[in-house]
Amino acid sequence: MGLGMSAAMSCARVRETGLAAPKQRSKSPVMVLRAGSYDMDLAELIVRGVAECRLAVKGKRVLLKPNLVEFDENTCINTDPRVVAAGVEAFQRLGAAEVLIGEGPGHRRDTWDLAEQAGYLRKIRRFTERFIDLNRDDVIRVQDFVGTHDMYISRAAVQADLIVSMAKMKTHHWSGATLSMKNFFGVVPGSVYGWPKNQLHYLGIEESILGLNKFFRSKSFAIVDGIVGMEGNGPIQGTPKHAGVLVMGNDLAAVDATCCRIMKIDPRKIGYLANCSTGGIDPEWIEQRGAKIAEVKQDFTLIAKFQHLREV
């Protein structure tokens, strides 16, 4: 496992992160679905959203990547296990050849203990058979990940036909908001970089978000759990915020921009979104489907240093 079998490693190449203005030939569909409770038929909602976004699933090996970070019974840090369970059911219904779940928390060294605390083992059927600890998975070396810097990434993530970022809708004390793009931090293995994966911070949070998004762009899909999100001092110490939505789409930048607008945050003021060259964040590049943003907007509290992110 990890770096122990260098002969088993293969190389992938990704171009240097671009910071040019987004250029798209067509709009990216983003589906906003009302979901007032985790007790709804979430699998049916996900099936509907995937169909609306025209995502091909049949025959693919799918890796669901939730946001499983830390546990505190007094707040709602992680993607709710009922959303992940619904994702498994939905992608099976849609004809996926295999549906796995993978995560590599940036704080906790014992991923299985965290998963148990967060209710994943109890609430997701056959979780132990499906789950891959991405912190301790075999790795693949990505050359020129950011500039000339290489990066080791979980083999399961790289080899999946489709990776679904199942993020939590949260504010963030460093980047302003953490959504489907930043959720890819979990595919970088702690067994290589330690905890809290300081290499990503050394390269730059924004640059790392953009690098990961660019690498996975051709085979990624986003489902953001905004049924109950987090506001204030996120991603761990904030407070629950009911937004009552699931947001999904193929273009992660467009999905995250939509989530920001639901949170009453201006996505153009979020550094990694403003500088993303692989997706369109402006309304003219997004084909908004489902509920209208104006109907589901919530005023997510921001910490003092991020008040300037507020949508005017």
C-alpha atoms as a PDB file:
ATOM      1  CA  MET A   1       0.000   0.000   0.000  1.00  0.00           C
ATOM      2  CA  GLY A   2       1.012   3.704  -0.175  1.00  0.00           C
ATOM      3  CA  LEU A   3       4.499   4.209  -1.616  1.00  0.00           C
ATOM      4  CA  GLY A   4       5.759   0.739  -0.774  1.00  0.00           C
ATOM      5  CA  MET A   5       5.461  -0.641  -4.314  1.00  0.00           C
ATOM      6  CA  SER A   6       7.050   1.917  -6.605  1.00  0.00           C
ATOM      7  CA  ALA A   7       6.894  -0.486  -9.555  1.00  0.00           C
ATOM      8  CA  ALA A   8       3.092  -0.459  -9.258  1.00  0.00           C
ATOM      9  CA  MET A   9       2.874   3.288  -9.635  1.00  0.00           C
ATOM     10  CA  SER A  10       1.946   4.838 -12.930  1.00  0.00           C
ATOM     11  CA  CYS A  11       2.210   8.431 -14.053  1.00  0.00           C
ATOM     12  CA  ALA A  12      -0.447  10.833 -15.208  1.00  0.00           C
ATOM     13  CA  ARG A  13       0.174  14.284 -16.548  1.00  0.00           C
ATOM     14  CA  VAL A  14      -1.803  17.419 -15.954  1.00  0.00           C
ATOM     15  CA  ARG A  15      -1.076  20.801 -17.423  1.00  0.00           C
ATOM     16  CA  GLU A  16      -0.158  23.725 -15.230  1.00  0.00           C
ATOM     17  CA  THR A  17      -3.130  25.334 -13.510  1.00  0.00           C
ATOM     18  CA  GLY A  18      -4.497  28.092 -15.722  1.00  0.00           C
ATOM     19  CA  LEU A  19      -5.787  31.387 -14.424  1.00  0.00           C
ATOM     20  CA  ALA A  20      -7.399  32.710 -17.602  1.00  0.00           C
ATOM     21  CA  ALA A  21     -11.022  33.780 -17.828  1.00  0.00           C
ATOM     22  CA  PRO A  22     -13.398  30.860 -18.466  1.00  0.00           C
ATOM     23  CA  LYS A  23     -14.229  30.068 -22.084  1.00  0.00           C
ATOM     24  CA  GLN A  24     -17.146  27.787 -22.853  1.00  0.00           C
ATOM     25  CA  ARG A  25     -19.102  27.037 -26.018  1.00  0.00           C
ATOM     26  CA  SER A  26     -22.260  25.967 -24.245  1.00  0.00           C
ATOM     27  CA  LYS A  27     -23.958  26.462 -20.922  1.00  0.00           C
ATOM     28  CA  SER A  28     -23.400  24.019 -18.054  1.00  0.00           C
ATOM     29  CA  PRO A  29     -26.612  22.568 -16.591  1.00  0.00           C
ATOM     30  CA  VAL A  30     -26.863  22.888 -12.798  1.00  0.00           C
ATOM     31  CA  MET A  31     -29.846  21.312 -11.042  1.00  0.00           C
ATOM     32  CA  VAL A  32     -31.187  22.771  -7.791  1.00  0.00           C
ATOM     33  CA  LEU A  33     -33.638  20.416  -6.087  1.00  0.00           C
ATOM     34  CA  ARG A  34     -35.665  21.264  -3.018  1.00  0.00           C
ATOM     35  CA  ALA A  35     -35.057  18.749  -0.229  1.00  0.00           C
ATOM     36  CA  GLY A  36     -36.505  19.896   3.058  1.00  0.00           C
ATOM     37  CA  SER A  37     -35.513  16.798   5.036  1.00  0.00           C
ATOM     38  CA  TYR A  38     -33.102  13.872   5.019  1.00  0.00           C
ATOM     39  CA  ASP A  39     -36.147  11.613   5.355  1.00  0.00           C
ATOM     40  CA  MET A  40     -37.277  12.319   1.776  1.00  0.00           C
ATOM     41  CA  ASP A  41     -36.688   9.893  -1.099  1.00  0.00           C
ATOM     42  CA  LEU A  42     -33.246  11.345  -1.805  1.00  0.00           C
ATOM     43  CA  ALA A  43     -32.298   8.555  -4.220  1.00  0.00           C
ATOM     44  CA  GLU A  44     -35.185   9.532  -6.484  1.00  0.00           C
ATOM     45  CA  LEU A  45     -34.102  13.184  -6.327  1.00  0.00           C
ATOM     46  CA  ILE A  46     -30.542  12.250  -7.287  1.00  0.00           C
ATOM     47  CA  VAL A  47     -31.738  10.082 -10.187  1.00  0.00           C
ATOM     48  CA  ARG A  48     -33.816  13.018 -11.401  1.00  0.00           C
ATOM     49  CA  GLY A  49     -30.929  15.463 -11.059  1.00  0.00           C
ATOM     50  CA  VAL A  50     -28.467  13.192 -12.851  1.00  0.00           C
ATOM     51  CA  ALA A  51     -30.910  12.775 -15.730  1.00  0.00           C
ATOM     52  CA  GLU A  52     -31.480  16.539 -15.967  1.00  0.00           C
ATOM     53  CA  CYS A  53     -27.716  17.064 -16.160  1.00  0.00           C
ATOM     54  CA  ARG A  54     -27.434  14.484 -18.959  1.00  0.00           C
ATOM     55  CA  LEU A  55     -24.803  12.415 -17.148  1.00  0.00           C
ATOM     56  CA  ALA A  56     -23.979   8.981 -18.630  1.00  0.00           C
ATOM     57  CA  VAL A  57     -23.624   6.410 -15.840  1.00  0.00           C
ATOM     58  CA  LYS A  58     -24.367   2.963 -17.288  1.00  0.00           C
ATOM     59  CA  GLY A  59     -21.465   0.531 -17.055  1.00  0.00           C
ATOM     60  CA  LYS A  60     -19.164   2.935 -15.205  1.00  0.00           C
ATOM     61  CA  ARG A  61     -17.117   2.385 -12.049  1.00  0.00           C
ATOM     62  CA  VAL A  62     -18.316   5.174  -9.772  1.00  0.00           C
ATOM     63  CA  LEU A  63     -16.494   6.536  -6.720  1.00  0.00           C
ATOM     64  CA  LEU A  64     -18.596   8.642  -4.352  1.00  0.00           C
ATOM     65  CA  LYS A  65     -16.390  11.139  -2.498  1.00  0.00           C
ATOM     66  CA  PRO A  66     -18.258  12.563   0.540  1.00  0.00           C
ATOM     67  CA  ASN A  67     -16.973  15.297   2.826  1.00  0.00           C
ATOM     68  CA  LEU A  68     -16.006  13.362   5.955  1.00  0.00           C
ATOM     69  CA  VAL A  69     -13.770  15.616   8.001  1.00  0.00           C
ATOM     70  CA  GLU A  70     -14.360  15.517  11.757  1.00  0.00           C
ATOM     71  CA  PHE A  71     -17.203  14.704  14.123  1.00  0.00           C
ATOM     72  CA  ASP A  72     -19.021  16.889  16.624  1.00  0.00           C
ATOM     73  CA  GLU A  73     -22.523  15.856  17.664  1.00  0.00           C
ATOM     74  CA  ASN A  74     -23.416  19.514  18.258  1.00  0.00           C
ATOM     75  CA  THR A  75     -23.036  20.561  14.624  1.00  0.00           C
ATOM     76  CA  CYS A  76     -23.164  19.116  11.072  1.00  0.00           C
ATOM     77  CA  ILE A  77     -19.664  18.908   9.631  1.00  0.00           C
ATOM     78  CA  ASN A  78     -19.964  15.975   7.240  1.00  0.00           C
ATOM     79  CA  THR A  79     -22.019  15.025   4.206  1.00  0.00           C
ATOM     80  CA  ASP A  80     -25.019  13.350   5.801  1.00  0.00           C
ATOM     81  CA  PRO A  81     -24.772   9.548   5.479  1.00  0.00           C
ATOM     82  CA  ARG A  82     -28.360   9.427   4.192  1.00  0.00           C
ATOM     83  CA  VAL A  83     -27.296  11.494   1.172  1.00  0.00           C
ATOM     84  CA  VAL A  84     -24.377   9.126   0.528  1.00  0.00           C
ATOM     85  CA  ALA A  85     -26.640   6.075   0.918  1.00  0.00           C
ATOM     86  CA  ALA A  86     -29.055   7.659  -1.549  1.00  0.00           C
ATOM     87  CA  GLY A  87     -26.164   8.244  -3.939  1.00  0.00           C
ATOM     88  CA  VAL A  88     -25.249   4.556  -3.842  1.00  0.00           C
ATOM     89  CA  GLU A  89     -28.849   3.552  -4.581  1.00  0.00           C
ATOM     90  CA  ALA A  90     -29.276   6.168  -7.307  1.00  0.00           C
ATOM     91  CA  PHE A  91     -26.148   5.262  -9.261  1.00  0.00           C
ATOM     92  CA  GLN A  92     -26.993   1.574  -8.990  1.00  0.00           C
ATOM     93  CA  ARG A  93     -30.439   2.302 -10.425  1.00  0.00           C
ATOM     94  CA  LEU A  94     -28.793   4.229 -13.247  1.00  0.00           C
ATOM     95  CA  GLY A  95     -26.772   1.172 -14.235  1.00  0.00           C
ATOM     96  CA  ALA A  96     -23.321   1.777 -12.767  1.00  0.00           C
ATOM     97  CA  ALA A  97     -21.109  -1.303 -12.931  1.00  0.00           C
ATOM     98  CA  GLU A  98     -19.760  -0.587  -9.441  1.00  0.00           C
ATOM     99  CA  VAL A  99     -20.391   2.048  -6.777  1.00  0.00           C
ATOM    100  CA  LEU A 100     -17.672   2.620  -4.183  1.00  0.00           C
ATOM    101  CA  ILE A 101     -17.231   5.258  -1.473  1.00  0.00           C
ATOM    102  CA  GLY A 102     -13.868   6.847  -0.730  1.00  0.00           C
ATOM    103  CA  GLU A 103     -12.534   9.536   1.577  1.00  0.00           C
ATOM    104  CA  GLY A 104      -9.220  10.621   3.097  1.00  0.00           C
ATOM    105  CA  PRO A 105      -9.869  13.030   6.010  1.00  0.00           C
ATOM    106  CA  GLY A 106      -7.319  15.783   6.498  1.00  0.00           C
ATOM    107  CA  HIS A 107      -7.463  15.741  10.302  1.00  0.00           C
ATOM    108  CA  ARG A 108      -8.226  12.210  11.462  1.00  0.00           C
ATOM    109  CA  ARG A 109      -5.717   9.403  11.000  1.00  0.00           C
ATOM    110  CA  ASP A 110      -8.327   6.720  11.762  1.00  0.00           C
ATOM    111  CA  THR A 111     -10.847   7.119   8.952  1.00  0.00           C
ATOM    112  CA  TRP A 112     -12.888   4.089   9.992  1.00  0.00           C
ATOM    113  CA  ASP A 113     -13.387   5.432  13.507  1.00  0.00           C
ATOM    114  CA  LEU A 114     -14.567   8.750  12.089  1.00  0.00           C
ATOM    115  CA  ALA A 115     -16.934   6.994   9.688  1.00  0.00           C
ATOM    116  CA  GLU A 116     -18.441   5.074  12.586  1.00  0.00           C
ATOM    117  CA  GLN A 117     -18.882   8.226  14.697  1.00  0.00           C
ATOM    118  CA  ALA A 118     -20.526  10.027  11.782  1.00  0.00           C
ATOM    119  CA  GLY A 119     -23.054   7.215  11.314  1.00  0.00           C
ATOM    120  CA  TYR A 120     -21.752   5.940   7.971  1.00  0.00           C
ATOM    121  CA  LEU A 121     -21.377   2.340   9.122  1.00  0.00           C
ATOM    122  CA  ARG A 122     -24.920   2.254  10.521  1.00  0.00           C
ATOM    123  CA  LYS A 123     -26.756   4.144   7.807  1.00  0.00           C
ATOM    124  CA  ILE A 124     -25.064   3.061   4.560  1.00  0.00           C
ATOM    125  CA  ARG A 125     -25.790  -0.517   3.554  1.00  0.00           C
ATOM    126  CA  ARG A 126     -22.674  -2.623   2.931  1.00  0.00           C
ATOM    127  CA  PHE A 127     -20.488   0.353   3.807  1.00  0.00           C
ATOM    128  CA  THR A 128     -17.503  -1.761   4.874  1.00  0.00           C
ATOM    129  CA  GLU A 129     -17.535  -3.560   1.502  1.00  0.00           C
ATOM    130  CA  ARG A 130     -17.739  -0.348  -0.491  1.00  0.00           C
ATOM    131  CA  PHE A 131     -15.413   1.958   1.418  1.00  0.00           C
ATOM    132  CA  ILE A 132     -11.813   2.828   0.513  1.00  0.00           C
ATOM    133  CA  ASP A 133      -9.667   4.852   2.907  1.00  0.00           C
ATOM    134  CA  LEU A 134      -8.063   7.213   0.404  1.00  0.00           C
ATOM    135  CA  ASN A 135      -5.467   8.240   2.976  1.00  0.00           C
ATOM    136  CA  ARG A 136      -3.973   4.735   2.833  1.00  0.00           C
ATOM    137  CA  ASP A 137      -4.792   3.682  -0.713  1.00  0.00           C
ATOM    138  CA  ASP A 138      -2.148   2.870  -3.333  1.00  0.00           C
ATOM    139  CA  VAL A 139      -1.091   6.006  -5.147  1.00  0.00           C
ATOM    140  CA  ILE A 140      -0.492   7.337  -8.644  1.00  0.00           C
ATOM    141  CA  ARG A 141       1.985  10.113  -9.336  1.00  0.00           C
ATOM    142  CA  VAL A 142       0.609  13.156 -11.141  1.00  0.00           C
ATOM    143  CA  GLN A 143       3.390  15.116 -12.813  1.00  0.00           C
ATOM    144  CA  ASP A 144       3.389  18.907 -12.997  1.00  0.00           C
ATOM    145  CA  PHE A 145       0.320  19.102 -10.737  1.00  0.00           C
ATOM    146  CA  VAL A 146       0.929  22.771  -9.888  1.00  0.00           C
ATOM    147  CA  GLY A 147       3.720  24.303 -11.932  1.00  0.00           C
ATOM    148  CA  THR A 148       6.588  21.813 -11.789  1.00  0.00           C
ATOM    149  CA  HIS A 149       5.400  20.190  -8.546  1.00  0.00           C
ATOM    150  CA  ASP A 150       4.233  16.584  -8.731  1.00  0.00           C
ATOM    151  CA  MET A 151       1.497  15.139  -6.525  1.00  0.00           C
ATOM    152  CA  TYR A 152       0.588  11.631  -5.356  1.00  0.00           C
ATOM    153  CA  ILE A 153      -3.147  10.919  -5.566  1.00  0.00           C
ATOM    154  CA  SER A 154      -5.223   7.908  -4.517  1.00  0.00           C
ATOM    155  CA  ARG A 155      -5.234   5.192  -7.163  1.00  0.00           C
ATOM    156  CA  ALA A 156      -8.957   4.497  -6.614  1.00  0.00           C
ATOM    157  CA  ALA A 157      -9.785   8.123  -7.407  1.00  0.00           C
ATOM    158  CA  VAL A 158      -7.616   8.242 -10.523  1.00  0.00           C
ATOM    159  CA  GLN A 159      -8.850   4.920 -11.889  1.00  0.00           C
ATOM    160  CA  ALA A 160     -12.587   5.494 -11.318  1.00  0.00           C
ATOM    161  CA  ASP A 161     -14.606   6.138 -14.474  1.00  0.00           C
ATOM    162  CA  LEU A 162     -16.651   8.726 -12.607  1.00  0.00           C
ATOM    163  CA  ILE A 163     -15.854  10.493  -9.344  1.00  0.00           C
ATOM    164  CA  VAL A 164     -18.795  12.184  -7.625  1.00  0.00           C
ATOM    165  CA  SER A 165     -17.912  14.983  -5.233  1.00  0.00           C
ATOM    166  CA  MET A 166     -20.587  14.782  -2.538  1.00  0.00           C
ATOM    167  CA  ALA A 167     -19.667  17.917  -0.632  1.00  0.00           C
ATOM    168  CA  LYS A 168     -21.370  19.706   2.255  1.00  0.00           C
ATOM    169  CA  MET A 169     -22.545  23.294   1.709  1.00  0.00           C
ATOM    170  CA  LYS A 170     -20.286  25.186   4.136  1.00  0.00           C
ATOM    171  CA  THR A 171     -18.451  28.417   4.738  1.00  0.00           C
ATOM    172  CA  HIS A 172     -14.700  28.110   5.259  1.00  0.00           C
ATOM    173  CA  HIS A 173     -12.319  30.121   7.443  1.00  0.00           C
ATOM    174  CA  TRP A 174      -9.531  30.152   4.816  1.00  0.00           C
ATOM    175  CA  SER A 175     -11.183  30.003   1.397  1.00  0.00           C
ATOM    176  CA  GLY A 176     -14.550  31.598   2.181  1.00  0.00           C
ATOM    177  CA  ALA A 177     -16.622  28.635   1.006  1.00  0.00           C
ATOM    178  CA  THR A 178     -15.929  24.911   0.727  1.00  0.00           C
ATOM    179  CA  LEU A 179     -18.008  23.035  -1.812  1.00  0.00           C
ATOM    180  CA  SER A 180     -17.534  20.399  -4.522  1.00  0.00           C
ATOM    181  CA  MET A 181     -14.161  21.595  -5.858  1.00  0.00           C
ATOM    182  CA  LYS A 182     -12.357  21.822  -2.525  1.00  0.00           C
ATOM    183  CA  ASN A 183     -13.838  18.465  -1.531  1.00  0.00           C
ATOM    184  CA  PHE A 184     -11.218  16.809  -3.779  1.00  0.00           C
ATOM    185  CA  PHE A 185      -8.575  17.503  -1.110  1.00  0.00           C
ATOM    186  CA  GLY A 186      -9.607  14.137   0.320  1.00  0.00           C
ATOM    187  CA  VAL A 187      -8.077  12.222  -2.618  1.00  0.00           C
ATOM    188  CA  VAL A 188      -4.577  13.346  -1.582  1.00  0.00           C
ATOM    189  CA  PRO A 189      -3.239  10.658   0.793  1.00  0.00           C
ATOM    190  CA  GLY A 190      -2.318  11.449   4.374  1.00  0.00           C
ATOM    191  CA  SER A 191      -0.037   8.399   4.365  1.00  0.00           C
ATOM    192  CA  VAL A 192       2.210  10.341   1.980  1.00  0.00           C
ATOM    193  CA  TYR A 193       1.752  13.942   3.100  1.00  0.00           C
ATOM    194  CA  GLY A 194       0.742  13.585   6.746  1.00  0.00           C
ATOM    195  CA  TRP A 195      -2.074  15.388   8.505  1.00  0.00           C
ATOM    196  CA  PRO A 196      -3.417  17.978   7.692  1.00  0.00           C
ATOM    197  CA  LYS A 197      -1.796  17.428   4.267  1.00  0.00           C
ATOM    198  CA  ASN A 198       0.389  20.494   4.448  1.00  0.00           C
ATOM    199  CA  GLN A 199       1.691  20.012   0.904  1.00  0.00           C
ATOM    200  CA  LEU A 200      -1.640  21.351  -0.347  1.00  0.00           C
ATOM    201  CA  HIS A 201      -1.189  24.425   1.812  1.00  0.00           C
ATOM    202  CA  TYR A 202       2.443  24.778   0.736  1.00  0.00           C
ATOM    203  CA  LEU A 203       1.426  24.787  -2.934  1.00  0.00           C
ATOM    204  CA  GLY A 204      -1.439  27.150  -2.065  1.00  0.00           C
ATOM    205  CA  ILE A 205      -5.035  26.273  -1.220  1.00  0.00           C
ATOM    206  CA  GLU A 206      -6.401  28.035  -4.294  1.00  0.00           C
ATOM    207  CA  GLU A 207      -3.775  26.536  -6.630  1.00  0.00           C
ATOM    208  CA  SER A 208      -4.375  23.042  -5.233  1.00  0.00           C
ATOM    209  CA  ILE A 209      -8.157  23.343  -5.642  1.00  0.00           C
ATOM    210  CA  LEU A 210      -7.684  24.405  -9.252  1.00  0.00           C
ATOM    211  CA  GLY A 211      -5.114  21.678  -9.927  1.00  0.00           C
ATOM    212  CA  LEU A 212      -7.356  18.915  -8.609  1.00  0.00           C
ATOM    213  CA  ASN A 213     -10.402  20.244 -10.445  1.00  0.00           C
ATOM    214  CA  LYS A 214      -8.473  20.407 -13.708  1.00  0.00           C
ATOM    215  CA  PHE A 215      -7.145  16.871 -13.308  1.00  0.00           C
ATOM    216  CA  PHE A 216     -10.562  15.312 -12.564  1.00  0.00           C
ATOM    217  CA  ARG A 217     -12.679  17.604 -14.735  1.00  0.00           C
ATOM    218  CA  SER A 218     -13.365  15.140 -17.549  1.00  0.00           C
ATOM    219  CA  LYS A 219     -14.898  12.533 -15.243  1.00  0.00           C
ATOM    220  CA  SER A 220     -16.366  14.432 -12.296  1.00  0.00           C
ATOM    221  CA  PHE A 221     -19.888  15.171 -11.131  1.00  0.00           C
ATOM    222  CA  ALA A 222     -21.047  17.123  -8.084  1.00  0.00           C
ATOM    223  CA  ILE A 223     -23.858  16.577  -5.612  1.00  0.00           C
ATOM    224  CA  VAL A 224     -23.767  19.164  -2.826  1.00  0.00           C
ATOM    225  CA  ASP A 225     -25.621  18.416   0.415  1.00  0.00           C
ATOM    226  CA  GLY A 226     -27.310  21.699   1.238  1.00  0.00           C
ATOM    227  CA  ILE A 227     -30.222  20.170   3.122  1.00  0.00           C
ATOM    228  CA  VAL A 228     -28.454  21.281   6.288  1.00  0.00           C
ATOM    229  CA  GLY A 229     -25.230  23.157   5.648  1.00  0.00           C
ATOM    230  CA  MET A 230     -22.824  25.053   7.895  1.00  0.00           C
ATOM    231  CA  GLU A 231     -22.384  28.794   8.370  1.00  0.00           C
ATOM    232  CA  GLY A 232     -19.939  30.942  10.328  1.00  0.00           C
ATOM    233  CA  ASN A 233     -16.568  29.484  11.288  1.00  0.00           C
ATOM    234  CA  GLY A 234     -16.619  26.500   8.944  1.00  0.00           C
ATOM    235  CA  PRO A 235     -15.596  23.929   7.911  1.00  0.00           C
ATOM    236  CA  ILE A 236     -15.584  22.409  11.404  1.00  0.00           C
ATOM    237  CA  GLN A 237     -16.563  24.937  14.071  1.00  0.00           C
ATOM    238  CA  GLY A 238     -19.531  26.596  12.394  1.00  0.00           C
ATOM    239  CA  THR A 239     -23.215  26.193  13.149  1.00  0.00           C
ATOM    240  CA  PRO A 240     -25.917  24.273  11.240  1.00  0.00           C
ATOM    241  CA  LYS A 241     -27.836  26.157   8.549  1.00  0.00           C
ATOM    242  CA  HIS A 242     -30.922  24.664   6.924  1.00  0.00           C
ATOM    243  CA  ALA A 243     -30.967  25.483   3.211  1.00  0.00           C
ATOM    244  CA  GLY A 244     -33.190  22.613   2.057  1.00  0.00           C
ATOM    245  CA  VAL A 245     -31.503  21.858  -1.281  1.00  0.00           C
ATOM    246  CA  LEU A 246     -29.406  19.403  -3.218  1.00  0.00           C
ATOM    247  CA  VAL A 247     -27.312  21.031  -5.967  1.00  0.00           C
ATOM    248  CA  MET A 248     -25.741  18.963  -8.732  1.00  0.00           C
ATOM    249  CA  GLY A 249     -24.039  19.192 -12.089  1.00  0.00           C
ATOM    250  CA  ASN A 250     -21.147  18.142 -14.345  1.00  0.00           C
ATOM    251  CA  ASP A 251     -19.265  21.446 -14.157  1.00  0.00           C
ATOM    252  CA  LEU A 252     -18.015  21.747 -10.585  1.00  0.00           C
ATOM    253  CA  ALA A 253     -17.206  25.444 -10.907  1.00  0.00           C
ATOM    254  CA  ALA A 254     -20.760  26.148 -12.083  1.00  0.00           C
ATOM    255  CA  VAL A 255     -22.186  24.034  -9.244  1.00  0.00           C
ATOM    256  CA  ASP A 256     -20.067  25.837  -6.648  1.00  0.00           C
ATOM    257  CA  ALA A 257     -20.962  29.242  -8.075  1.00  0.00           C
ATOM    258  CA  THR A 258     -24.635  28.297  -7.809  1.00  0.00           C
ATOM    259  CA  CYS A 259     -24.140  27.153  -4.206  1.00  0.00           C
ATOM    260  CA  CYS A 260     -22.433  30.448  -3.384  1.00  0.00           C
ATOM    261  CA  ARG A 261     -25.397  32.382  -4.762  1.00  0.00           C
ATOM    262  CA  ILE A 262     -27.743  30.252  -2.651  1.00  0.00           C
ATOM    263  CA  MET A 263     -25.558  31.178   0.373  1.00  0.00           C
ATOM    264  CA  LYS A 264     -25.732  34.866  -0.685  1.00  0.00           C
ATOM    265  CA  ILE A 265     -22.004  34.866  -1.436  1.00  0.00           C
ATOM    266  CA  ASP A 266     -20.634  36.440  -4.607  1.00  0.00           C
ATOM    267  CA  PRO A 267     -18.704  33.605  -6.353  1.00  0.00           C
ATOM    268  CA  ARG A 268     -16.577  36.181  -8.210  1.00  0.00           C
ATOM    269  CA  LYS A 269     -15.085  37.107  -4.836  1.00  0.00           C
ATOM    270  CA  ILE A 270     -14.024  33.523  -4.040  1.00  0.00           C
ATOM    271  CA  GLY A 271     -10.438  33.290  -5.299  1.00  0.00           C
ATOM    272  CA  TYR A 272     -10.438  29.785  -6.750  1.00  0.00           C
ATOM    273  CA  LEU A 273     -13.766  30.328  -8.508  1.00  0.00           C
ATOM    274  CA  ALA A 274     -12.779  33.691  -9.937  1.00  0.00           C
ATOM    275  CA  ASN A 275      -9.558  32.157 -11.282  1.00  0.00           C
ATOM    276  CA  CYS A 276     -10.988  28.882 -12.572  1.00  0.00           C
ATOM    277  CA  SER A 277     -10.287  28.395 -16.278  1.00  0.00           C
ATOM    278  CA  THR A 278     -12.142  25.088 -16.624  1.00  0.00           C
ATOM    279  CA  GLY A 279     -15.691  26.218 -15.908  1.00  0.00           C
ATOM    280  CA  GLY A 280     -18.023  29.171 -16.148  1.00  0.00           C
ATOM    281  CA  ILE A 281     -19.232  30.814 -12.951  1.00  0.00           C
ATOM    282  CA  ASP A 282     -21.171  33.718 -14.451  1.00  0.00           C
ATOM    283  CA  PRO A 283     -24.940  33.265 -14.929  1.00  0.00           C
ATOM    284  CA  GLU A 284     -24.670  33.446 -18.720  1.00  0.00           C
ATOM    285  CA  TRP A 285     -22.568  30.256 -18.677  1.00  0.00           C
ATOM    286  CA  ILE A 286     -24.953  28.328 -16.381  1.00  0.00           C
ATOM    287  CA  GLU A 287     -28.189  26.666 -17.429  1.00  0.00           C
ATOM    288  CA  GLN A 288     -30.029  26.827 -14.114  1.00  0.00           C
ATOM    289  CA  ARG A 289     -32.568  24.024 -13.709  1.00  0.00           C
ATOM    290  CA  GLY A 290     -35.005  23.035 -10.990  1.00  0.00           C
ATOM    291  CA  ALA A 291     -35.725  25.535  -8.234  1.00  0.00           C
ATOM    292  CA  LYS A 292     -34.808  29.152  -8.880  1.00  0.00           C
ATOM    293  CA  ILE A 293     -31.952  30.546  -6.814  1.00  0.00           C
ATOM    294  CA  ALA A 294     -34.111  33.470  -5.681  1.00  0.00           C
ATOM    295  CA  GLU A 295     -36.568  30.979  -4.162  1.00  0.00           C
ATOM    296  CA  VAL A 296     -33.997  29.071  -2.059  1.00  0.00           C
ATOM    297  CA  LYS A 297     -31.450  31.727  -1.064  1.00  0.00           C
ATOM    298  CA  GLN A 298     -30.313  31.683   2.562  1.00  0.00           C
ATOM    299  CA  ASP A 299     -28.223  34.272   4.380  1.00  0.00           C
ATOM    300  CA  PHE A 300     -25.223  32.172   5.502  1.00  0.00           C
ATOM    301  CA  THR A 301     -23.317  33.938   8.287  1.00  0.00           C
ATOM    302  CA  LEU A 302     -19.722  34.855   7.395  1.00  0.00           C
ATOM    303  CA  ILE A 303     -16.859  35.457   9.799  1.00  0.00           C
ATOM    304  CA  ALA A 304     -15.615  39.051  10.055  1.00  0.00           C
ATOM    305  CA  LYS A 305     -12.738  38.791   7.583  1.00  0.00           C
ATOM    306  CA  PHE A 306     -15.056  37.483   4.865  1.00  0.00           C
ATOM    307  CA  GLN A 307     -17.823  40.048   5.068  1.00  0.00           C
ATOM    308  CA  HIS A 308     -16.598  41.430   1.733  1.00  0.00           C
ATOM    309  CA  LEU A 309     -17.709  38.190   0.049  1.00  0.00           C
ATOM    310  CA  ARG A 310     -21.344  39.041   0.624  1.00  0.00           C
ATOM    311  CA  GLU A 311     -23.417  39.295  -2.509  1.00  0.00           C
ATOM    312  CA  VAL A 312     -24.468  42.909  -3.090  1.00  0.00           C
END
